[in-house]
């Protein structure tokens, strides 16, 4: 599976596509989608970028993690 981009060397993230029923890998820097064989399928559209930003903002607003869970405990086996 392609983890790093051939063009820029940046990390790729797996994104599941409902309409295509498969996972494509998105490069964080180039914004290209590639398939499992490492062929560029298409670029990320402006609508997809806006939708991803909206989902991230919604997650940040609705997530409620207690402070003690975010701090690592020390000296406990």
N, C-alpha and C. Protein backbone atom coordinates (compact mmCIF):
# COMPACT_ATOMS: atom_id res chain seq x y z
N UNK A 1 0.83 -1.18 0.00
CA UNK A 1 0.00 0.00 0.00
C UNK A 1 0.88 1.25 0.00
N UNK A 2 0.51 2.27 -0.75
CA UNK A 2 1.33 3.47 -0.85
C UNK A 2 1.17 4.36 0.39
N UNK A 3 2.23 4.50 1.17
CA UNK A 3 2.17 5.33 2.36
C UNK A 3 2.77 6.71 2.08
N UNK A 4 3.82 6.77 1.27
CA UNK A 4 4.46 8.04 0.97
C UNK A 4 4.32 8.37 -0.51
N UNK A 5 4.15 9.65 -0.81
CA UNK A 5 3.96 10.12 -2.18
C UNK A 5 5.27 10.04 -2.96
N UNK A 6 5.19 9.61 -4.22
CA UNK A 6 6.38 9.54 -5.06
C UNK A 6 6.83 10.93 -5.50
N UNK A 7 5.88 11.86 -5.66
CA UNK A 7 6.20 13.19 -6.18
C UNK A 7 6.87 14.07 -5.13
N UNK A 8 6.30 14.13 -3.92
CA UNK A 8 6.81 15.08 -2.92
C UNK A 8 7.37 14.40 -1.68
N UNK A 9 7.11 13.12 -1.49
CA UNK A 9 7.61 12.40 -0.32
C UNK A 9 6.76 12.59 0.92
N UNK A 10 5.63 13.28 0.79
CA UNK A 10 4.75 13.51 1.93
C UNK A 10 3.92 12.27 2.25
N UNK A 11 3.36 12.24 3.44
CA UNK A 11 2.56 11.09 3.87
C UNK A 11 1.19 11.10 3.20
N UNK A 12 0.69 9.91 2.90
CA UNK A 12 -0.65 9.75 2.33
C UNK A 12 -1.58 9.15 3.37
N UNK A 13 -2.85 9.54 3.30
CA UNK A 13 -3.86 9.04 4.21
C UNK A 13 -4.91 8.25 3.44
N UNK A 14 -5.37 7.10 3.97
CA UNK A 14 -6.43 6.35 3.28
C UNK A 14 -7.78 7.03 3.48
N UNK A 15 -8.50 7.24 2.38
CA UNK A 15 -9.82 7.86 2.40
C UNK A 15 -10.77 6.89 1.70
N UNK A 16 -11.86 6.51 2.40
CA UNK A 16 -12.83 5.60 1.80
C UNK A 16 -13.82 6.40 0.96
N UNK A 17 -14.05 5.98 -0.27
CA UNK A 17 -14.99 6.63 -1.17
C UNK A 17 -16.26 5.80 -1.27
N UNK A 18 -17.39 6.37 -0.86
CA UNK A 18 -18.66 5.63 -0.88
C UNK A 18 -19.09 5.28 -2.30
N UNK A 19 -19.00 6.26 -3.20
CA UNK A 19 -19.48 6.03 -4.56
C UNK A 19 -18.59 5.06 -5.33
N UNK A 20 -17.32 4.97 -4.98
CA UNK A 20 -16.41 4.06 -5.67
C UNK A 20 -16.21 2.75 -4.91
N UNK A 21 -16.70 2.67 -3.69
CA UNK A 21 -16.61 1.50 -2.80
C UNK A 21 -15.20 0.93 -2.70
N UNK A 22 -14.24 1.81 -2.55
CA UNK A 22 -12.86 1.39 -2.33
C UNK A 22 -12.12 2.52 -1.62
N UNK A 23 -10.97 2.22 -1.12
CA UNK A 23 -10.15 3.23 -0.45
C UNK A 23 -9.14 3.80 -1.42
N UNK A 24 -9.06 5.11 -1.42
CA UNK A 24 -8.04 5.81 -2.18
C UNK A 24 -7.12 6.48 -1.17
N UNK A 25 -5.89 6.71 -1.58
CA UNK A 25 -4.91 7.34 -0.70
C UNK A 25 -4.71 8.78 -1.14
N UNK A 26 -4.87 9.72 -0.18
CA UNK A 26 -4.76 11.15 -0.46
C UNK A 26 -3.45 11.69 0.08
N UNK A 27 -2.67 12.33 -0.79
CA UNK A 27 -1.43 12.98 -0.37
C UNK A 27 -1.78 14.30 0.30
N UNK A 28 -1.18 14.57 1.48
CA UNK A 28 -1.48 15.78 2.21
C UNK A 28 -1.00 17.03 1.49
N UNK A 29 0.10 16.93 0.77
CA UNK A 29 0.70 18.09 0.12
C UNK A 29 0.21 18.28 -1.31
N UNK A 30 0.26 17.23 -2.12
CA UNK A 30 -0.10 17.31 -3.54
C UNK A 30 -1.61 17.32 -3.78
N UNK A 31 -2.38 16.79 -2.84
CA UNK A 31 -3.84 16.67 -2.96
C UNK A 31 -4.24 15.76 -4.12
N UNK A 32 -3.45 14.70 -4.36
CA UNK A 32 -3.76 13.69 -5.38
C UNK A 32 -4.27 12.43 -4.71
N UNK A 33 -5.26 11.79 -5.34
CA UNK A 33 -5.73 10.49 -4.90
C UNK A 33 -5.04 9.42 -5.73
N UNK A 34 -4.55 8.37 -5.07
CA UNK A 34 -3.96 7.24 -5.78
C UNK A 34 -4.66 5.96 -5.31
N UNK A 35 -4.61 4.93 -6.14
CA UNK A 35 -5.22 3.65 -5.78
C UNK A 35 -4.19 2.74 -5.14
N UNK A 36 -4.56 1.51 -4.89
CA UNK A 36 -3.68 0.56 -4.20
C UNK A 36 -2.45 0.21 -5.03
N UNK A 37 -2.53 0.36 -6.36
CA UNK A 37 -1.38 0.07 -7.22
C UNK A 37 -0.49 1.29 -7.41
N UNK A 38 -0.76 2.38 -6.69
CA UNK A 38 0.05 3.60 -6.71
C UNK A 38 -0.06 4.37 -8.02
N UNK A 39 -1.23 4.34 -8.67
CA UNK A 39 -1.49 5.15 -9.86
C UNK A 39 -2.36 6.33 -9.46
N UNK A 40 -2.02 7.51 -9.96
CA UNK A 40 -2.82 8.70 -9.64
C UNK A 40 -4.18 8.57 -10.32
N UNK A 41 -5.24 8.67 -9.51
CA UNK A 41 -6.60 8.55 -10.02
C UNK A 41 -7.16 9.92 -10.37
N UNK A 42 -7.05 10.87 -9.43
CA UNK A 42 -7.57 12.22 -9.66
C UNK A 42 -7.06 13.14 -8.56
N UNK A 43 -7.35 14.44 -8.71
CA UNK A 43 -7.00 15.41 -7.69
C UNK A 43 -8.19 15.65 -6.78
N UNK A 44 -7.93 16.15 -5.58
CA UNK A 44 -8.99 16.48 -4.64
C UNK A 44 -9.71 17.74 -5.12
N UNK A 45 -11.04 17.70 -5.17
CA UNK A 45 -11.81 18.84 -5.64
C UNK A 45 -11.98 19.88 -4.53
N UNK A 46 -12.36 21.09 -4.94
CA UNK A 46 -12.58 22.16 -3.98
C UNK A 46 -13.72 21.82 -3.02
N UNK A 47 -14.76 21.15 -3.51
CA UNK A 47 -15.88 20.76 -2.66
C UNK A 47 -15.43 19.78 -1.58
N UNK A 48 -14.56 18.85 -1.95
CA UNK A 48 -14.05 17.89 -0.97
C UNK A 48 -13.18 18.56 0.08
N UNK A 49 -12.42 19.56 -0.32
CA UNK A 49 -11.58 20.29 0.64
C UNK A 49 -12.45 21.04 1.64
N UNK A 50 -13.50 21.72 1.15
CA UNK A 50 -14.42 22.46 2.02
C UNK A 50 -15.15 21.50 2.96
N UNK A 51 -15.59 20.37 2.44
CA UNK A 51 -16.30 19.38 3.26
C UNK A 51 -15.39 18.82 4.36
N UNK A 52 -14.15 18.56 4.04
CA UNK A 52 -13.20 18.04 5.03
C UNK A 52 -12.95 19.06 6.14
N UNK A 53 -12.84 20.34 5.77
CA UNK A 53 -12.64 21.39 6.77
C UNK A 53 -13.85 21.53 7.68
N UNK A 54 -15.06 21.41 7.10
CA UNK A 54 -16.28 21.48 7.91
C UNK A 54 -16.35 20.33 8.90
N UNK A 55 -16.00 19.13 8.45
CA UNK A 55 -16.02 17.96 9.34
C UNK A 55 -15.01 18.12 10.48
N UNK A 56 -13.83 18.66 10.18
CA UNK A 56 -12.82 18.88 11.20
C UNK A 56 -13.28 19.91 12.22
N UNK A 57 -13.87 21.01 11.76
CA UNK A 57 -14.38 22.04 12.67
C UNK A 57 -15.50 21.49 13.55
N UNK A 58 -16.40 20.68 12.97
CA UNK A 58 -17.49 20.09 13.73
C UNK A 58 -16.94 19.13 14.79
N UNK A 59 -15.94 18.34 14.44
CA UNK A 59 -15.35 17.42 15.40
C UNK A 59 -14.71 18.18 16.56
N UNK A 60 -14.00 19.26 16.25
CA UNK A 60 -13.36 20.04 17.31
C UNK A 60 -14.38 20.69 18.23
N UNK A 61 -15.54 21.10 17.68
CA UNK A 61 -16.58 21.70 18.52
C UNK A 61 -17.31 20.67 19.38
N UNK A 62 -17.53 19.49 18.84
CA UNK A 62 -18.35 18.50 19.54
C UNK A 62 -17.56 17.52 20.38
N UNK A 63 -16.25 17.43 20.18
CA UNK A 63 -15.47 16.48 20.97
C UNK A 63 -15.27 17.04 22.37
N UNK A 64 -15.42 16.17 23.34
CA UNK A 64 -15.30 16.58 24.74
C UNK A 64 -14.44 15.56 25.46
N UNK A 65 -13.14 15.78 25.47
CA UNK A 65 -12.22 14.88 26.14
C UNK A 65 -11.82 15.50 27.48
N UNK A 66 -11.96 14.77 28.57
CA UNK A 66 -11.54 15.31 29.87
C UNK A 66 -10.04 15.54 29.91
N UNK A 67 -9.63 16.55 30.68
CA UNK A 67 -8.20 16.90 30.75
C UNK A 67 -7.36 15.75 31.29
N UNK A 68 -7.86 15.03 32.30
CA UNK A 68 -7.05 13.97 32.90
C UNK A 68 -6.79 12.82 31.93
N UNK A 69 -7.63 12.65 30.93
CA UNK A 69 -7.40 11.60 29.94
C UNK A 69 -6.30 11.99 28.95
N UNK A 70 -6.10 13.29 28.75
CA UNK A 70 -5.10 13.74 27.80
C UNK A 70 -3.69 13.79 28.39
N UNK A 71 -3.58 13.79 29.71
CA UNK A 71 -2.28 13.84 30.37
C UNK A 71 -1.82 12.42 30.65
N UNK A 72 -0.60 12.14 30.29
CA UNK A 72 -0.06 10.79 30.51
C UNK A 72 0.31 10.60 31.98
N UNK A 73 -0.08 9.47 32.53
CA UNK A 73 0.26 9.15 33.90
C UNK A 73 1.70 8.70 33.99
N UNK A 74 2.39 9.13 35.05
CA UNK A 74 3.80 8.80 35.19
C UNK A 74 4.00 7.92 36.42
N UNK A 75 4.90 6.97 36.31
CA UNK A 75 5.27 6.13 37.44
C UNK A 75 4.29 5.02 37.76
N UNK A 76 3.39 4.72 36.86
CA UNK A 76 2.41 3.66 37.09
C UNK A 76 2.69 2.53 36.12
N UNK A 77 2.77 1.33 36.63
CA UNK A 77 3.03 0.18 35.77
C UNK A 77 1.78 -0.38 35.22
